[in-house]
C-alpha atoms as a PDB file:
ATOM      1  CA  MET A   1    -103.870 -92.222 -19.503  1.00  0.00           C
ATOM      2  CA  LYS A   2    -105.110 -95.644 -18.840  1.00  0.00           C
ATOM      3  CA  ASN A   3    -104.215 -98.807 -20.800  1.00  0.00           C
ATOM      4  CA  ALA A   4    -105.701-101.846 -20.888  1.00  0.00           C
ATOM      5  CA  LEU A   5    -103.927-105.572 -19.359  1.00  0.00           C
ATOM      6  CA  THR A   6    -105.155-108.925 -20.783  1.00  0.00           C
ATOM      7  CA  VAL A   7    -105.296-112.117 -20.059  1.00  0.00           C
ATOM      8  CA  ASP A   8    -105.792-115.349 -21.834  1.00  0.00           C
ATOM      9  CA  LEU A   9    -106.927-117.665 -20.080  1.00  0.00           C
ATOM     10  CA  GLU A  10    -105.083-121.233 -21.276  1.00  0.00           C
ATOM     11  CA  ASP A  11    -103.195-123.622 -20.691  1.00  0.00           C
ATOM     12  CA  TYR A  12     -99.573-124.060 -22.131  1.00  0.00           C
ATOM     13  CA  PHE A  13    -100.926-126.963 -23.858  1.00  0.00           C
ATOM     14  CA  HIS A  14    -103.497-125.283 -25.866  1.00  0.00           C
ATOM     15  CA  VAL A  15    -101.247-122.639 -27.737  1.00  0.00           C
ATOM     16  CA  SER A  16    -101.116-122.626 -31.671  1.00  0.00           C
ATOM     17  CA  ALA A  17     -97.040-123.303 -32.004  1.00  0.00           C
ATOM     18  CA  TYR A  18     -97.928-126.697 -30.792  1.00  0.00           C
ATOM     19  CA  ALA A  19    -101.042-127.364 -32.341  1.00  0.00           C
ATOM     20  CA  GLY A  20     -99.533-129.555 -34.677  1.00  0.00           C
ATOM     21  CA  LYS A  21     -97.903-131.772 -32.714  1.00  0.00           C
ATOM     22  CA  VAL A  22     -99.593-131.314 -29.469  1.00  0.00           C
ATOM     23  CA  ARG A  23    -103.050-133.071 -30.747  1.00  0.00           C
ATOM     24  CA  LEU A  24    -107.142-132.006 -29.304  1.00  0.00           C
ATOM     25  CA  GLU A  25    -107.386-135.586 -28.212  1.00  0.00           C
ATOM     26  CA  GLU A  26    -104.308-135.837 -25.965  1.00  0.00           C
ATOM     27  CA  TRP A  27    -105.224-132.517 -23.903  1.00  0.00           C
ATOM     28  CA  ASP A  28    -106.713-134.640 -21.322  1.00  0.00           C
ATOM     29  CA  SER A  29    -103.049-136.812 -20.865  1.00  0.00           C
ATOM     30  CA  TYR A  30    -100.811-133.017 -20.259  1.00  0.00           C
ATOM     31  CA  PRO A  31    -100.782-132.258 -16.249  1.00  0.00           C
ATOM     32  CA  SER A  32    -102.887-129.000 -16.598  1.00  0.00           C
ATOM     33  CA  ARG A  33    -101.231-126.082 -14.284  1.00  0.00           C
ATOM     34  CA  VAL A  34    -103.691-123.553 -15.890  1.00  0.00           C
ATOM     35  CA  ALA A  35    -105.110-123.334 -11.994  1.00  0.00           C
ATOM     36  CA  GLN A  36    -101.677-122.759 -10.110  1.00  0.00           C
ATOM     37  CA  ASN A  37    -100.529-119.914 -12.712  1.00  0.00           C
ATOM     38  CA  THR A  38    -104.220-118.441 -12.674  1.00  0.00           C
ATOM     39  CA  ASP A  39    -103.643-118.280  -9.046  1.00  0.00           C
ATOM     40  CA  ARG A  40    -100.257-117.028  -9.091  1.00  0.00           C
ATOM     41  CA  LEU A  41    -101.631-114.100 -11.799  1.00  0.00           C
ATOM     42  CA  LEU A  42    -104.485-113.110  -9.792  1.00  0.00           C
ATOM     43  CA  GLU A  43    -102.151-112.831  -6.843  1.00  0.00           C
ATOM     44  CA  LEU A  44     -99.830-110.343  -7.977  1.00  0.00           C
ATOM     45  CA  LEU A  45    -102.779-108.829  -9.600  1.00  0.00           C
ATOM     46  CA  SER A  46    -104.587-108.411  -6.325  1.00  0.00           C
ATOM     47  CA  LEU A  47    -101.133-107.280  -4.509  1.00  0.00           C
ATOM     48  CA  HIS A  48    -100.789-104.579  -7.374  1.00  0.00           C
ATOM     49  CA  ASN A  49    -104.722-103.087  -7.047  1.00  0.00           C
ATOM     50  CA  CYS A  50    -104.754-104.153 -10.939  1.00  0.00           C
ATOM     51  CA  LYS A  51    -107.803-105.225 -12.743  1.00  0.00           C
ATOM     52  CA  ALA A  52    -107.381-107.158 -15.780  1.00  0.00           C
ATOM     53  CA  THR A  53    -110.132-108.225 -18.750  1.00  0.00           C
ATOM     54  CA  PHE A  54    -109.975-112.337 -18.945  1.00  0.00           C
ATOM     55  CA  PHE A  55    -110.090-114.424 -22.428  1.00  0.00           C
ATOM     56  CA  VAL A  56    -111.037-117.639 -21.230  1.00  0.00           C
ATOM     57  CA  LEU A  57    -110.496-120.669 -23.412  1.00  0.00           C
ATOM     58  CA  GLY A  58    -114.269-122.626 -23.169  1.00  0.00           C
ATOM     59  CA  TRP A  59    -112.371-125.361 -22.565  1.00  0.00           C
ATOM     60  CA  VAL A  60    -110.826-124.658 -19.563  1.00  0.00           C
ATOM     61  CA  ALA A  61    -114.384-123.093 -18.512  1.00  0.00           C
ATOM     62  CA  GLU A  62    -115.985-126.818 -19.231  1.00  0.00           C
ATOM     63  CA  LYS A  63    -112.312-128.789 -17.479  1.00  0.00           C
ATOM     64  CA  LYS A  64    -111.531-126.336 -14.584  1.00  0.00           C
ATOM     65  CA  PRO A  65    -114.959-124.331 -13.891  1.00  0.00           C
ATOM     66  CA  GLU A  66    -113.986-123.475 -10.806  1.00  0.00           C
ATOM     67  CA  VAL A  67    -110.463-121.839 -11.988  1.00  0.00           C
ATOM     68  CA  VAL A  68    -112.474-119.592 -14.181  1.00  0.00           C
ATOM     69  CA  ALA A  69    -115.171-118.489 -10.587  1.00  0.00           C
ATOM     70  CA  ARG A  70    -112.223-117.351  -9.275  1.00  0.00           C
ATOM     71  CA  VAL A  71    -111.094-115.224 -11.338  1.00  0.00           C
ATOM     72  CA  ALA A  72    -114.764-113.542 -12.399  1.00  0.00           C
ATOM     73  CA  ALA A  73    -115.217-112.975  -8.051  1.00  0.00           C
ATOM     74  CA  ALA A  74    -112.082-111.444  -7.819  1.00  0.00           C
ATOM     75  CA  GLY A  75    -113.409-108.378  -9.919  1.00  0.00           C
ATOM     76  CA  HIS A  76    -112.162-109.197 -13.646  1.00  0.00           C
ATOM     77  CA  GLU A  77    -114.022-109.193 -16.845  1.00  0.00           C
ATOM     78  CA  ILE A  78    -114.721-112.409 -18.531  1.00  0.00           C
ATOM     79  CA  ALA A  79    -114.159-112.699 -21.950  1.00  0.00           C
ATOM     80  CA  CYS A  80    -114.323-115.586 -24.737  1.00  0.00           C
ATOM     81  CA  HIS A  81    -110.974-116.954 -26.309  1.00  0.00           C
ATOM     82  CA  SER A  82    -113.051-119.271 -27.849  1.00  0.00           C
ATOM     83  CA  LEU A  83    -113.895-123.083 -27.243  1.00  0.00           C
ATOM     84  CA  LEU A  84    -110.399-125.347 -28.924  1.00  0.00           C
ATOM     85  CA  HIS A  85    -108.357-122.972 -29.491  1.00  0.00           C
ATOM     86  CA  ARG A  86    -108.328-123.515 -33.133  1.00  0.00           C
ATOM     87  CA  ARG A  87    -107.983-120.432 -35.409  1.00  0.00           C
ATOM     88  CA  ILE A  88    -110.986-119.305 -37.546  1.00  0.00           C
ATOM     89  CA  PHE A  89    -109.521-119.565 -41.121  1.00  0.00           C
ATOM     90  CA  ASP A  90    -109.102-122.842 -40.052  1.00  0.00           C
ATOM     91  CA  LEU A  91    -113.392-123.354 -39.747  1.00  0.00           C
ATOM     92  CA  SER A  92    -116.147-123.176 -41.514  1.00  0.00           C
ATOM     93  CA  PRO A  93    -118.562-120.204 -40.950  1.00  0.00           C
ATOM     94  CA  GLN A  94    -121.059-123.146 -39.106  1.00  0.00           C
ATOM     95  CA  GLU A  95    -118.100-124.569 -37.112  1.00  0.00           C
ATOM     96  CA  PHE A  96    -117.219-120.851 -36.191  1.00  0.00           C
ATOM     97  CA  ARG A  97    -120.568-120.264 -35.161  1.00  0.00           C
ATOM     98  CA  GLU A  98    -120.885-123.168 -32.938  1.00  0.00           C
ATOM     99  CA  ASP A  99    -117.415-122.952 -31.727  1.00  0.00           C
ATOM    100  CA  THR A 100    -118.469-118.944 -30.377  1.00  0.00           C
ATOM    101  CA  HIS A 101    -121.424-120.345 -29.035  1.00  0.00           C
ATOM    102  CA  ARG A 102    -120.429-123.606 -27.727  1.00  0.00           C
ATOM    103  CA  ALA A 103    -117.322-121.098 -25.807  1.00  0.00           C
ATOM    104  CA  LYS A 104    -119.824-117.894 -24.440  1.00  0.00           C
ATOM    105  CA  ALA A 105    -122.518-120.991 -22.948  1.00  0.00           C
ATOM    106  CA  VAL A 106    -120.058-122.712 -20.530  1.00  0.00           C
ATOM    107  CA  ILE A 107    -117.478-119.390 -19.891  1.00  0.00           C
ATOM    108  CA  GLU A 108    -121.397-117.527 -18.709  1.00  0.00           C
ATOM    109  CA  ASP A 109    -121.655-120.958 -16.863  1.00  0.00           C
ATOM    110  CA  ALA A 110    -118.979-121.582 -14.846  1.00  0.00           C
ATOM    111  CA  THR A 111    -118.545-117.311 -14.045  1.00  0.00           C
ATOM    112  CA  GLY A 112    -122.893-116.281 -13.619  1.00  0.00           C
ATOM    113  CA  LYS A 113    -121.269-113.112 -16.010  1.00  0.00           C
ATOM    114  CA  GLN A 114    -122.415-112.463 -19.606  1.00  0.00           C
ATOM    115  CA  VAL A 115    -119.662-112.687 -22.014  1.00  0.00           C
ATOM    116  CA  VAL A 116    -119.353-109.804 -24.231  1.00  0.00           C
ATOM    117  CA  GLY A 117    -115.883-109.802 -25.899  1.00  0.00           C
ATOM    118  CA  TYR A 118    -114.003-112.137 -27.380  1.00  0.00           C
ATOM    119  CA  ARG A 119    -110.122-112.524 -28.693  1.00  0.00           C
ATOM    120  CA  ALA A 120    -109.277-114.560 -31.787  1.00  0.00           C
ATOM    121  CA  PRO A 121    -107.192-117.479 -31.332  1.00  0.00           C
ATOM    122  CA  SER A 122    -103.446-116.596 -32.849  1.00  0.00           C
ATOM    123  CA  PHE A 123    -105.173-113.751 -34.212  1.00  0.00           C
ATOM    124  CA  SER A 124    -106.843-115.484 -36.875  1.00  0.00           C
ATOM    125  CA  VAL A 125    -109.136-112.383 -38.005  1.00  0.00           C
ATOM    126  CA  THR A 126    -107.501-112.479 -42.040  1.00  0.00           C
ATOM    127  CA  LYS A 127    -108.992-111.683 -44.582  1.00  0.00           C
ATOM    128  CA  LYS A 128    -109.188-115.337 -45.707  1.00  0.00           C
ATOM    129  CA  SER A 129    -111.735-115.630 -42.097  1.00  0.00           C
ATOM    130  CA  SER A 130    -113.212-112.023 -42.756  1.00  0.00           C
ATOM    131  CA  TRP A 131    -116.651-113.096 -42.976  1.00  0.00           C
ATOM    132  CA  ALA A 132    -116.321-114.231 -39.168  1.00  0.00           C
ATOM    133  CA  LEU A 133    -117.201-110.254 -37.882  1.00  0.00           C
ATOM    134  CA  GLU A 134    -120.189-110.835 -39.054  1.00  0.00           C
ATOM    135  CA  ILE A 135    -120.707-113.389 -36.458  1.00  0.00           C
ATOM    136  CA  LEU A 136    -118.902-112.260 -33.628  1.00  0.00           C
ATOM    137  CA  ALA A 137    -121.063-108.666 -34.191  1.00  0.00           C
ATOM    138  CA  LYS A 138    -124.064-110.645 -33.489  1.00  0.00           C
ATOM    139  CA  ARG A 139    -122.701-112.185 -30.517  1.00  0.00           C
ATOM    140  CA  VAL A 140    -120.534-110.078 -28.457  1.00  0.00           C
ATOM    141  CA  SER A 141    -120.212-105.896 -27.759  1.00  0.00           C
ATOM    142  CA  ASN A 142    -116.125-105.666 -27.848  1.00  0.00           C
ATOM    143  CA  MET A 143    -113.757-107.042 -31.034  1.00  0.00           C
ATOM    144  CA  ILE A 144    -110.259-105.128 -30.339  1.00  0.00           C
ATOM    145  CA  PRO A 145    -108.531-106.037 -34.188  1.00  0.00           C
ATOM    146  CA  ALA A 146    -104.876-106.129 -34.083  1.00  0.00           C
ATOM    147  CA  PHE A 147    -101.660-106.481 -36.019  1.00  0.00           C
ATOM    148  CA  SER A 148     -99.537-110.032 -35.597  1.00  0.00           C
ATOM    149  CA  ASP A 149     -96.396-111.479 -37.803  1.00  0.00           C
ATOM    150  CA  ARG A 150     -98.441-113.930 -38.367  1.00  0.00           C
ATOM    151  CA  THR A 151    -101.649-112.350 -40.415  1.00  0.00           C
ATOM    152  CA  SER A 152    -101.370-109.102 -43.134  1.00  0.00           C
ATOM    153  CA  PHE A 153    -105.296-108.411 -42.609  1.00  0.00           C
ATOM    154  CA  LEU A 154    -105.603-105.748 -39.675  1.00  0.00           C
ATOM    155  CA  ARG A 155    -102.102-104.786 -39.355  1.00  0.00           C
ATOM    156  CA  ASP A 156    -103.167-101.019 -38.366  1.00  0.00           C
ATOM    157  CA  SER A 157    -105.295-102.091 -35.622  1.00  0.00           C
ATOM    158  CA  ARG A 158    -106.424 -98.486 -34.776  1.00  0.00           C
ATOM    159  CA  ARG A 159    -107.620 -98.233 -38.961  1.00  0.00           C
ATOM    160  CA  ALA A 160    -108.990-101.202 -38.729  1.00  0.00           C
ATOM    161  CA  ALA A 161    -111.013-101.028 -35.954  1.00  0.00           C
ATOM    162  CA  ASP A 162    -112.282 -97.168 -36.692  1.00  0.00           C
ATOM    163  CA  SER A 163    -113.615 -99.475 -40.080  1.00  0.00           C
ATOM    164  CA  LEU A 164    -115.134-101.618 -37.520  1.00  0.00           C
ATOM    165  CA  LEU A 165    -116.717 -99.074 -35.675  1.00  0.00           C
ATOM    166  CA  ASP A 166    -118.528 -97.760 -38.375  1.00  0.00           C
ATOM    167  CA  ARG A 167    -120.128-100.949 -39.753  1.00  0.00           C
ATOM    168  CA  TYR A 168    -121.607-101.591 -36.126  1.00  0.00           C
ATOM    169  CA  PRO A 169    -120.598 -98.435 -34.074  1.00  0.00           C
ATOM    170  CA  GLU A 170    -122.862-100.410 -31.140  1.00  0.00           C
ATOM    171  CA  ARG A 171    -120.678-104.151 -30.946  1.00  0.00           C
ATOM    172  CA  SER A 172    -117.052-102.302 -31.748  1.00  0.00           C
ATOM    173  CA  ASN A 173    -113.785-101.087 -29.599  1.00  0.00           C
ATOM    174  CA  SER A 174    -111.351 -98.783 -31.107  1.00  0.00           C
ATOM    175  CA  GLY A 175    -110.609 -96.779 -27.951  1.00  0.00           C
ATOM    176  CA  VAL A 176    -107.101 -99.319 -27.681  1.00  0.00           C
ATOM    177  CA  SER A 177    -104.402-100.320 -29.722  1.00  0.00           C
ATOM    178  CA  HIS A 178    -103.285-103.575 -29.363  1.00  0.00           C
ATOM    179  CA  GLY A 179     -99.467-102.935 -28.609  1.00  0.00           C
ATOM    180  CA  ASN A 180     -98.032-101.454 -32.082  1.00  0.00           C
ATOM    181  CA  ALA A 181     -95.642 -99.157 -31.923  1.00  0.00           C
ATOM    182  CA  ARG A 182     -93.908 -97.443 -35.144  1.00  0.00           C
ATOM    183  CA  HIS A 183     -89.979 -97.507 -34.963  1.00  0.00           C
ATOM    184  CA  ARG A 184     -88.996 -94.910 -38.386  1.00  0.00           C
ATOM    185  CA  SER A 185     -91.417 -96.128 -41.096  1.00  0.00           C
ATOM    186  CA  MET A 186     -92.305-100.134 -39.630  1.00  0.00           C
ATOM    187  CA  ARG A 187     -94.842-101.209 -36.468  1.00  0.00           C
ATOM    188  CA  SER A 188     -94.004-103.699 -34.233  1.00  0.00           C
ATOM    189  CA  PRO A 189     -96.006-105.830 -31.857  1.00  0.00           C
ATOM    190  CA  ILE A 190     -94.247-105.127 -28.334  1.00  0.00           C
ATOM    191  CA  ALA A 191     -96.781-105.588 -25.283  1.00  0.00           C
ATOM    192  CA  GLY A 192     -97.985-108.586 -25.541  1.00  0.00           C
ATOM    193  CA  GLY A 193     -96.920-113.053 -25.967  1.00  0.00           C
ATOM    194  CA  ALA A 194     -92.818-113.564 -26.923  1.00  0.00           C
ATOM    195  CA  TYR A 195     -92.847-109.443 -27.770  1.00  0.00           C
ATOM    196  CA  LEU A 196     -92.910-108.795 -23.635  1.00  0.00           C
ATOM    197  CA  ARG A 197     -90.990-111.911 -22.709  1.00  0.00           C
ATOM    198  CA  LEU A 198     -88.337-111.340 -25.052  1.00  0.00           C
ATOM    199  CA  LEU A 199     -87.813-106.988 -25.697  1.00  0.00           C
ATOM    200  CA  PRO A 200     -86.213-105.332 -22.895  1.00  0.00           C
ATOM    201  CA  TYR A 201     -88.342-103.840 -20.482  1.00  0.00           C
ATOM    202  CA  ARG A 202     -86.867-100.153 -20.840  1.00  0.00           C
ATOM    203  CA  PHE A 203     -88.541-100.714 -24.435  1.00  0.00           C
ATOM    204  CA  THR A 204     -91.500-102.127 -23.675  1.00  0.00           C
ATOM    205  CA  LEU A 205     -91.808 -99.093 -21.316  1.00  0.00           C
ATOM    206  CA  TRP A 206     -90.471 -96.255 -23.556  1.00  0.00           C
ATOM    207  CA  SER A 207     -93.034 -98.003 -26.694  1.00  0.00           C
ATOM    208  CA  ILE A 208     -96.648 -97.953 -24.594  1.00  0.00           C
ATOM    209  CA  ARG A 209     -95.811 -94.586 -22.802  1.00  0.00           C
ATOM    210  CA  HIS A 210     -94.900 -93.288 -26.576  1.00  0.00           C
ATOM    211  CA  LEU A 211     -98.881 -94.542 -27.983  1.00  0.00           C
ATOM    212  CA  ASN A 212    -100.226 -92.722 -24.804  1.00  0.00           C
ATOM    213  CA  GLU A 213     -98.544 -89.328 -24.575  1.00  0.00           C
ATOM    214  CA  GLN A 214     -97.621 -89.070 -27.758  1.00  0.00           C
ATOM    215  CA  GLU A 215    -100.001 -90.731 -30.212  1.00  0.00           C
ATOM    216  CA  HIS A 216    -102.210 -89.793 -27.337  1.00  0.00           C
ATOM    217  CA  PHE A 217    -103.615 -93.920 -27.602  1.00  0.00           C
ATOM    218  CA  PRO A 218    -104.104 -96.258 -24.654  1.00  0.00           C
ATOM    219  CA  VAL A 219    -102.737-100.300 -24.594  1.00  0.00           C
ATOM    220  CA  CYS A 220    -103.702-102.954 -24.748  1.00  0.00           C
ATOM    221  CA  VAL A 221    -101.141-105.256 -22.803  1.00  0.00           C
ATOM    222  CA  TYR A 222    -101.265-109.511 -23.373  1.00  0.00           C
ATOM    223  CA  ILE A 223    -100.615-112.431 -20.874  1.00  0.00           C
ATOM    224  CA  HIS A 224    -100.447-116.087 -20.038  1.00  0.00           C
ATOM    225  CA  PRO A 225    -100.967-117.803 -17.106  1.00  0.00           C
ATOM    226  CA  TRP A 226     -98.657-120.224 -18.236  1.00  0.00           C
ATOM    227  CA  GLU A 227     -96.038-117.665 -19.178  1.00  0.00           C
ATOM    228  CA  LEU A 228     -95.774-117.089 -15.193  1.00  0.00           C
ATOM    229  CA  ASP A 229     -94.674-120.540 -15.369  1.00  0.00           C
ATOM    230  CA  PRO A 230     -90.670-121.498 -15.854  1.00  0.00           C
ATOM    231  CA  GLN A 231     -90.906-124.938 -14.595  1.00  0.00           C
ATOM    232  CA  GLN A 232     -93.608-126.343 -17.092  1.00  0.00           C
ATOM    233  CA  PRO A 233     -93.194-129.419 -18.821  1.00  0.00           C
ATOM    234  CA  ARG A 234     -91.243-129.034 -22.321  1.00  0.00           C
ATOM    235  CA  MET A 235     -92.499-129.583 -25.691  1.00  0.00           C
ATOM    236  CA  GLY A 236     -90.126-129.981 -27.587  1.00  0.00           C
ATOM    237  CA  GLY A 237     -90.465-129.331 -31.036  1.00  0.00           C
ATOM    238  CA  SER A 238     -88.776-126.494 -33.698  1.00  0.00           C
ATOM    239  CA  LEU A 239     -86.605-123.967 -32.848  1.00  0.00           C
ATOM    240  CA  SER A 240     -89.723-121.542 -34.063  1.00  0.00           C
ATOM    241  CA  ALA A 241     -92.105-123.177 -32.089  1.00  0.00           C
ATOM    242  CA  ARG A 242     -89.580-123.566 -28.537  1.00  0.00           C
ATOM    243  CA  ALA A 243     -88.770-119.698 -29.088  1.00  0.00           C
ATOM    244  CA  ARG A 244     -91.973-118.524 -28.810  1.00  0.00           C
ATOM    245  CA  HIS A 245     -93.078-120.572 -25.939  1.00  0.00           C
ATOM    246  CA  TYR A 246     -89.707-120.943 -24.001  1.00  0.00           C
ATOM    247  CA  PHE A 247     -87.660-117.969 -24.159  1.00  0.00           C
ATOM    248  CA  GLY A 248     -88.113-115.479 -21.478  1.00  0.00           C
ATOM    249  CA  LEU A 249     -90.049-117.248 -19.237  1.00  0.00           C
ATOM    250  CA  GLN A 250     -87.808-116.846 -16.778  1.00  0.00           C
ATOM    251  CA  GLY A 251     -88.305-112.876 -16.447  1.00  0.00           C
ATOM    252  CA  THR A 252     -92.335-112.868 -17.455  1.00  0.00           C
ATOM    253  CA  GLU A 253     -93.415-112.238 -13.568  1.00  0.00           C
ATOM    254  CA  ALA A 254     -90.600-109.474 -13.234  1.00  0.00           C
ATOM    255  CA  LYS A 255     -91.500-108.049 -16.012  1.00  0.00           C
ATOM    256  CA  LEU A 256     -94.770-107.911 -15.355  1.00  0.00           C
ATOM    257  CA  LYS A 257     -94.478-106.626 -11.631  1.00  0.00           C
ATOM    258  CA  LYS A 258     -93.058-103.615 -13.148  1.00  0.00           C
ATOM    259  CA  LEU A 259     -95.869-102.687 -15.832  1.00  0.00           C
ATOM    260  CA  MET A 260     -97.865-102.453 -12.817  1.00  0.00           C
ATOM    261  CA  ARG A 261     -95.857-100.532 -10.982  1.00  0.00           C
ATOM    262  CA  ASP A 262     -95.110 -98.203 -14.384  1.00  0.00           C
ATOM    263  CA  VAL A 263     -97.949 -98.195 -16.136  1.00  0.00           C
ATOM    264  CA  GLU A 264    -101.866 -97.535 -15.451  1.00  0.00           C
ATOM    265  CA  PHE A 265    -104.227-100.072 -15.888  1.00  0.00           C
ATOM    266  CA  CYS A 266    -107.997-100.354 -15.542  1.00  0.00           C
ATOM    267  CA  LEU A 267    -110.962-102.222 -17.011  1.00  0.00           C
END
């Protein structure tokens, strides 16, 4: 069974774990590493003949359009990851509408390709922000709900995706599980971000194969370019923030190589 490899195209200082420490007004003062990290990722994908969907932060498309253009030129799918990585439940509907509209426009300007997919920053489509689905349904073609330990809505991504498919049959994508593996009575994330970095590779691979072979579901794996960069500047912060962002960085590239060897991916 074929699975989906996806990338949240953002820089190390954009992450929500440091939103309270690194203010938007300070982003330009941080040394950007998104170009070199993205180029390294593109090199790895090319070596393994693998294509991915890149969910691009609009800020990156504005500041580094040449980076996003290189991703598109390499044949990868381009989608949207918001403009400024603000969680949806922190925005008003009008703010979210404007954020999405501008992000879509700048990404399309950088690539010359239509944006038809959207991924919410930090899994922030919750009960509190469910109104965003109506706005997204009018602006993008694909929505893939997912589980996160930080949200209480859409905990079962497959059931949620099916409900969206019923409402928007021409726009919703219910064919991919966002890497949620069931162990006994518990379902937990396994295939992206800190979960991919911290969990043993053998468990991650077993979980993906179990979802593929036993539950007949493809898996959506997600990574960030900064996860290939153990030498990135350290921003301090709480133990929780440091654990989410820095733990396991040394092994990310090796795990990604193994995944592209052991798991079949496609667009």
